[in-house]
Amino acid sequence: MSDRIKVQMEYPIHASPSMLYKYFSMASSLDEWFADNVNSRGELYTFIWGDSEEQAKVIRYDTEDYMRFQWVEDEGTDCYFEFKIQVDELTNDVSLIVTDFAEEDEEEDVRLFWDNQISELKKTIGA
């Protein structure tokens, strides 16, 4: 077990669920907003930021709904990061739920990181 805490954030997104899904499920779309470059080989994704490189595996997904990744360095723990699309049944409003894990003293940094990343995503898709 990890001593990190689960951090969940919800972002309203003005986009269709099918369009939004491709922006977190395809390497060619992830590198438009999430990292400088993203490569994938099957379930293994390589995220590149400048000179830094991190790898994550897809550990769970449902087409058109969500994608869960786990950093290779977190294998054997319960930590992951996940993108999940939620559609309100009454209003049809679309939200992106992002789940990540952080050390207790880094929770605010994780929230700021995702706020910035999702802001980039919204600019990219024009939402």
Foldseek 3Di string as FASTA:
>chain_A
DDQWDKDKDKAFAPDDLLVVQCLPPPQVNVCQFPAVGWDDDVQKIWGDHPPDIWIWGFPDDDRSFKTWIDTPVQPPHPFIWMWGWDADPPPRTIMIMIMGIDHPVCNVVVVVSVVRRVVSVCVSVVD
